[in-house]
Amino acid sequence: MKNSDNVVVILYSINSYVAINLHYTIHTITPNIKSAIAPALKLLSNGVM
């Protein structure tokens, strides 16, 4: 019982750690991707129009 409790605690900590990192990564990377893609999209739409 003790052993499985430890496993649950470890899994839970890993899970929250991953969730926090993922959240942070998404919030830092998404604006960068948008600012990188925006000019390309503008060029594309200008070329199409």
Protein backbone atom coordinates (compact mmCIF):
# COMPACT_ATOMS: atom_id res chain seq x y z
CA MET A 1 0.00 0.00 0.00
CA LYS A 2 2.79 2.38 0.92
CA ASN A 3 4.56 1.69 -2.33
CA SER A 4 1.54 2.42 -4.50
CA ASP A 5 0.88 5.61 -2.53
CA ASN A 6 4.39 6.78 -3.38
CA VAL A 7 3.83 5.98 -7.05
CA VAL A 8 0.60 7.99 -7.05
CA VAL A 9 2.33 10.96 -5.41
CA ILE A 10 5.21 10.79 -7.89
CA LEU A 11 2.87 10.52 -10.88
CA TYR A 12 0.82 13.43 -9.56
CA SER A 13 3.90 15.63 -9.12
CA ILE A 14 5.19 14.76 -12.59
CA ASN A 15 1.75 15.47 -14.00
CA SER A 16 1.43 18.91 -12.43
CA TYR A 17 5.03 19.75 -13.34
CA VAL A 18 4.36 18.83 -16.98
CA ALA A 19 1.05 20.72 -16.96
CA ILE A 20 2.68 23.89 -15.59
CA ASN A 21 5.54 23.67 -18.10
CA LEU A 22 3.17 23.02 -20.97
CA HIS A 23 1.04 26.01 -19.96
CA TYR A 24 4.13 28.23 -19.74
CA THR A 25 5.53 26.93 -23.03
CA ILE A 26 2.25 27.50 -24.87
CA HIS A 27 2.01 31.05 -23.54
CA THR A 28 5.57 31.92 -24.52
CA ILE A 29 5.72 30.10 -27.84
CA THR A 30 2.28 30.96 -29.24
CA PRO A 31 2.93 34.73 -29.48
CA ASN A 32 6.31 34.02 -31.08
CA ILE A 33 4.71 31.72 -33.65
CA LYS A 34 1.99 34.29 -34.35
CA SER A 35 4.51 37.10 -34.82
CA ALA A 36 6.59 34.84 -37.07
CA ILE A 37 3.62 33.67 -39.15
CA ALA A 38 1.77 37.00 -39.45
CA PRO A 39 4.15 38.59 -42.01
CA ALA A 40 4.14 35.40 -44.08
CA LEU A 41 0.34 35.31 -44.03
CA LYS A 42 0.23 38.96 -45.09
CA LEU A 43 2.56 38.24 -47.99
CA LEU A 44 0.46 35.25 -49.00
CA SER A 45 -2.83 37.16 -48.87
CA ASN A 46 -1.27 40.08 -50.78
CA GLY A 47 -0.04 37.65 -53.43
CA VAL A 48 -3.47 36.03 -53.70
CA MET A 49 -5.48 39.25 -53.80
